[in-house]
Amino acid sequence: MGVTPDEIADLAHLRRARDLMDREYAQPLDVPAMGRAALMSPAHFSRKFRAAYGETPYSYLMTRRIERAKAFLRQGMSVTDTCMAVGCTSLGSFSSRFTEIVGESPSQYRARDHSDLEVVPSCVTMVATRPRRTRLTV
């Protein structure tokens, strides 16, 4: 079964919204704004995005924000400044989400020795330290 021209067009629009999240992660982005970038209604955008990328738009955006936060924390930026720099407005929510995704608090992550990554090119470091969501099995 092939991909229809409409499905190809939807994927191009979804990629536009995903690129917006990658580029403007620190801006206040909500599903309606992301949907507008994809030329879709918010509900349709959310359904299509999840089907295409395996996670909700908000989840994707938060993963990008945490990815950037890890880089700022490795550079020694304070947790509060990092929270604001990646577009989060609540330090508590940021810390909870960071801990959920990374497995340790932002303060613990910042305090770790990251000197082993200093010799690695930043493009490789970004891929190697990219947050990966894992499902807990009960």
C-alpha atoms as a PDB file:
ATOM      1  CA  MET A   1       0.000   0.000   0.000  1.00  0.00           C
ATOM      2  CA  GLY A   2       1.536   3.300  -1.112  1.00  0.00           C
ATOM      3  CA  VAL A   3       1.512   6.730   0.423  1.00  0.00           C
ATOM      4  CA  THR A   4      -1.055   9.113  -0.998  1.00  0.00           C
ATOM      5  CA  PRO A   5      -0.220  12.664  -2.111  1.00  0.00           C
ATOM      6  CA  ASP A   6      -2.350  13.986   0.785  1.00  0.00           C
ATOM      7  CA  GLU A   7      -0.328  11.928   3.282  1.00  0.00           C
ATOM      8  CA  ILE A   8       2.915  13.249   1.814  1.00  0.00           C
ATOM      9  CA  ALA A   9       1.584  16.806   2.107  1.00  0.00           C
ATOM     10  CA  ASP A  10       0.561  16.165   5.745  1.00  0.00           C
ATOM     11  CA  LEU A  11       4.051  14.865   6.560  1.00  0.00           C
ATOM     12  CA  ALA A  12       5.622  17.979   5.028  1.00  0.00           C
ATOM     13  CA  HIS A  13       3.338  20.174   7.144  1.00  0.00           C
ATOM     14  CA  LEU A  14       4.099  18.139  10.264  1.00  0.00           C
ATOM     15  CA  ARG A  15       7.822  18.471   9.588  1.00  0.00           C
ATOM     16  CA  ARG A  16       7.358  22.245   9.368  1.00  0.00           C
ATOM     17  CA  ALA A  17       5.775  22.239  12.841  1.00  0.00           C
ATOM     18  CA  ARG A  18       8.479  19.929  14.220  1.00  0.00           C
ATOM     19  CA  ASP A  19      11.170  22.218  12.784  1.00  0.00           C
ATOM     20  CA  LEU A  20       9.431  25.152  14.476  1.00  0.00           C
ATOM     21  CA  MET A  21       9.646  23.318  17.817  1.00  0.00           C
ATOM     22  CA  ASP A  22      13.317  22.490  17.238  1.00  0.00           C
ATOM     23  CA  ARG A  23      14.139  26.088  16.337  1.00  0.00           C
ATOM     24  CA  GLU A  24      11.843  28.016  18.708  1.00  0.00           C
ATOM     25  CA  TYR A  25      11.866  25.626  21.700  1.00  0.00           C
ATOM     26  CA  ALA A  26      12.382  28.504  24.162  1.00  0.00           C
ATOM     27  CA  GLN A  27       9.338  30.403  22.915  1.00  0.00           C
ATOM     28  CA  PRO A  28       5.871  29.908  24.383  1.00  0.00           C
ATOM     29  CA  LEU A  29       4.538  27.332  21.927  1.00  0.00           C
ATOM     30  CA  ASP A  30       1.149  25.716  22.319  1.00  0.00           C
ATOM     31  CA  VAL A  31      -0.705  23.156  20.223  1.00  0.00           C
ATOM     32  CA  PRO A  32      -2.795  25.777  18.379  1.00  0.00           C
ATOM     33  CA  ALA A  33       0.382  27.633  17.328  1.00  0.00           C
ATOM     34  CA  MET A  34       2.048  24.403  16.249  1.00  0.00           C
ATOM     35  CA  GLY A  35      -1.110  23.373  14.406  1.00  0.00           C
ATOM     36  CA  ARG A  36      -1.112  26.696  12.535  1.00  0.00           C
ATOM     37  CA  ALA A  37       2.473  26.008  11.438  1.00  0.00           C
ATOM     38  CA  ALA A  38       1.278  22.654  10.085  1.00  0.00           C
ATOM     39  CA  LEU A  39      -1.827  24.219   8.500  1.00  0.00           C
ATOM     40  CA  MET A  40      -4.064  21.982  10.628  1.00  0.00           C
ATOM     41  CA  SER A  41      -6.600  22.378  13.408  1.00  0.00           C
ATOM     42  CA  PRO A  42      -5.120  21.740  16.879  1.00  0.00           C
ATOM     43  CA  ALA A  43      -6.902  18.387  17.333  1.00  0.00           C
ATOM     44  CA  HIS A  44      -6.089  17.146  13.835  1.00  0.00           C
ATOM     45  CA  PHE A  45      -2.480  18.270  14.241  1.00  0.00           C
ATOM     46  CA  SER A  46      -2.121  16.448  17.573  1.00  0.00           C
ATOM     47  CA  ARG A  47      -3.505  13.205  16.137  1.00  0.00           C
ATOM     48  CA  LYS A  48      -1.372  13.363  12.976  1.00  0.00           C
ATOM     49  CA  PHE A  49       1.781  14.334  14.889  1.00  0.00           C
ATOM     50  CA  ARG A  50       1.416  11.451  17.324  1.00  0.00           C
ATOM     51  CA  ALA A  51       0.759   9.018  14.486  1.00  0.00           C
ATOM     52  CA  ALA A  52       3.817  10.238  12.559  1.00  0.00           C
ATOM     53  CA  TYR A  53       6.332  10.663  15.406  1.00  0.00           C
ATOM     54  CA  GLY A  54       5.073   8.352  18.144  1.00  0.00           C
ATOM     55  CA  GLU A  55       4.615  11.059  20.770  1.00  0.00           C
ATOM     56  CA  THR A  56       2.450  14.084  21.369  1.00  0.00           C
ATOM     57  CA  PRO A  57       3.596  17.517  20.198  1.00  0.00           C
ATOM     58  CA  TYR A  58       3.962  18.657  23.810  1.00  0.00           C
ATOM     59  CA  SER A  59       6.045  15.610  24.682  1.00  0.00           C
ATOM     60  CA  TYR A  60       8.303  16.243  21.682  1.00  0.00           C
ATOM     61  CA  LEU A  61       8.710  19.912  22.630  1.00  0.00           C
ATOM     62  CA  MET A  62       9.554  19.050  26.240  1.00  0.00           C
ATOM     63  CA  THR A  63      12.110  16.482  25.118  1.00  0.00           C
ATOM     64  CA  ARG A  64      13.772  19.152  22.964  1.00  0.00           C
ATOM     65  CA  ARG A  65      13.745  21.583  25.902  1.00  0.00           C
ATOM     66  CA  ILE A  66      15.313  18.990  28.212  1.00  0.00           C
ATOM     67  CA  GLU A  67      17.916  18.200  25.550  1.00  0.00           C
ATOM     68  CA  ARG A  68      18.914  21.875  25.450  1.00  0.00           C
ATOM     69  CA  ALA A  69      18.753  22.119  29.236  1.00  0.00           C
ATOM     70  CA  LYS A  70      21.271  19.296  29.579  1.00  0.00           C
ATOM     71  CA  ALA A  71      23.720  21.246  27.405  1.00  0.00           C
ATOM     72  CA  PHE A  72      23.255  24.428  29.484  1.00  0.00           C
ATOM     73  CA  LEU A  73      23.700  22.508  32.743  1.00  0.00           C
ATOM     74  CA  ARG A  74      26.888  20.852  31.450  1.00  0.00           C
ATOM     75  CA  GLN A  75      28.209  24.370  30.814  1.00  0.00           C
ATOM     76  CA  GLY A  76      27.540  25.271  34.463  1.00  0.00           C
ATOM     77  CA  MET A  77      24.403  27.394  34.048  1.00  0.00           C
ATOM     78  CA  SER A  78      22.217  27.496  37.157  1.00  0.00           C
ATOM     79  CA  VAL A  79      19.089  25.351  37.226  1.00  0.00           C
ATOM     80  CA  THR A  80      16.839  28.428  37.461  1.00  0.00           C
ATOM     81  CA  ASP A  81      18.543  30.192  34.542  1.00  0.00           C
ATOM     82  CA  THR A  82      18.423  26.973  32.521  1.00  0.00           C
ATOM     83  CA  CYS A  83      14.716  26.572  33.231  1.00  0.00           C
ATOM     84  CA  MET A  84      14.009  30.061  31.888  1.00  0.00           C
ATOM     85  CA  ALA A  85      16.446  29.732  28.960  1.00  0.00           C
ATOM     86  CA  VAL A  86      14.623  26.694  27.573  1.00  0.00           C
ATOM     87  CA  GLY A  87      11.190  28.299  27.793  1.00  0.00           C
ATOM     88  CA  CYS A  88       9.841  26.757  30.975  1.00  0.00           C
ATOM     89  CA  THR A  89       8.074  29.090  33.382  1.00  0.00           C
ATOM     90  CA  SER A  90       7.761  26.805  36.418  1.00  0.00           C
ATOM     91  CA  LEU A  91      10.945  25.617  38.087  1.00  0.00           C
ATOM     92  CA  GLY A  92       9.045  22.811  39.832  1.00  0.00           C
ATOM     93  CA  SER A  93       7.492  21.502  36.614  1.00  0.00           C
ATOM     94  CA  PHE A  94      10.821  21.790  34.806  1.00  0.00           C
ATOM     95  CA  SER A  95      12.649  19.877  37.553  1.00  0.00           C
ATOM     96  CA  SER A  96       9.976  17.172  37.657  1.00  0.00           C
ATOM     97  CA  ARG A  97       9.990  16.678  33.890  1.00  0.00           C
ATOM     98  CA  PHE A  98      13.813  16.754  33.746  1.00  0.00           C
ATOM     99  CA  THR A  99      14.011  14.100  36.464  1.00  0.00           C
ATOM    100  CA  GLU A 100      11.360  11.984  34.734  1.00  0.00           C
ATOM    101  CA  ILE A 101      13.177  12.057  31.392  1.00  0.00           C
ATOM    102  CA  VAL A 102      16.837  12.067  32.466  1.00  0.00           C
ATOM    103  CA  GLY A 103      16.604   9.944  35.600  1.00  0.00           C
ATOM    104  CA  GLU A 104      18.210  12.465  37.927  1.00  0.00           C
ATOM    105  CA  SER A 105      17.405  15.989  39.039  1.00  0.00           C
ATOM    106  CA  PRO A 106      18.824  18.996  37.165  1.00  0.00           C
ATOM    107  CA  SER A 107      21.023  19.788  40.168  1.00  0.00           C
ATOM    108  CA  GLN A 108      22.416  16.259  40.255  1.00  0.00           C
ATOM    109  CA  TYR A 109      23.028  16.335  36.501  1.00  0.00           C
ATOM    110  CA  ARG A 110      24.768  19.735  36.738  1.00  0.00           C
ATOM    111  CA  ALA A 111      26.977  18.563  39.611  1.00  0.00           C
ATOM    112  CA  ARG A 112      28.246  15.520  37.716  1.00  0.00           C
ATOM    113  CA  ASP A 113      31.641  15.556  36.043  1.00  0.00           C
ATOM    114  CA  HIS A 114      31.072  16.183  32.336  1.00  0.00           C
ATOM    115  CA  SER A 115      34.742  16.640  31.435  1.00  0.00           C
ATOM    116  CA  ASP A 116      34.712  13.447  29.352  1.00  0.00           C
ATOM    117  CA  LEU A 117      32.407  15.226  26.890  1.00  0.00           C
ATOM    118  CA  GLU A 118      34.709  18.249  26.446  1.00  0.00           C
ATOM    119  CA  VAL A 119      36.768  16.511  23.756  1.00  0.00           C
ATOM    120  CA  VAL A 120      33.731  15.293  21.838  1.00  0.00           C
ATOM    121  CA  PRO A 121      32.324  17.518  19.074  1.00  0.00           C
ATOM    122  CA  SER A 122      29.067  19.178  20.149  1.00  0.00           C
ATOM    123  CA  CYS A 123      27.075  17.534  17.343  1.00  0.00           C
ATOM    124  CA  VAL A 124      28.115  14.100  18.649  1.00  0.00           C
ATOM    125  CA  THR A 125      27.504  15.116  22.278  1.00  0.00           C
ATOM    126  CA  MET A 126      23.989  16.245  21.367  1.00  0.00           C
ATOM    127  CA  VAL A 127      23.153  12.850  19.869  1.00  0.00           C
ATOM    128  CA  ALA A 128      24.876  10.873  22.634  1.00  0.00           C
ATOM    129  CA  THR A 129      23.143  12.767  25.439  1.00  0.00           C
ATOM    130  CA  ARG A 130      19.726  13.110  23.741  1.00  0.00           C
ATOM    131  CA  PRO A 131      16.975  12.326  26.235  1.00  0.00           C
ATOM    132  CA  ARG A 132      15.199   9.090  25.467  1.00  0.00           C
ATOM    133  CA  ARG A 133      11.813   8.415  26.927  1.00  0.00           C
ATOM    134  CA  THR A 134      11.467   4.936  28.281  1.00  0.00           C
ATOM    135  CA  ARG A 135       8.259   3.341  29.395  1.00  0.00           C
ATOM    136  CA  LEU A 136       8.218   1.821  32.825  1.00  0.00           C
ATOM    137  CA  THR A 137       6.803  -1.668  32.953  1.00  0.00           C
ATOM    138  CA  VAL A 138       4.910  -2.607  36.057  1.00  0.00           C
END
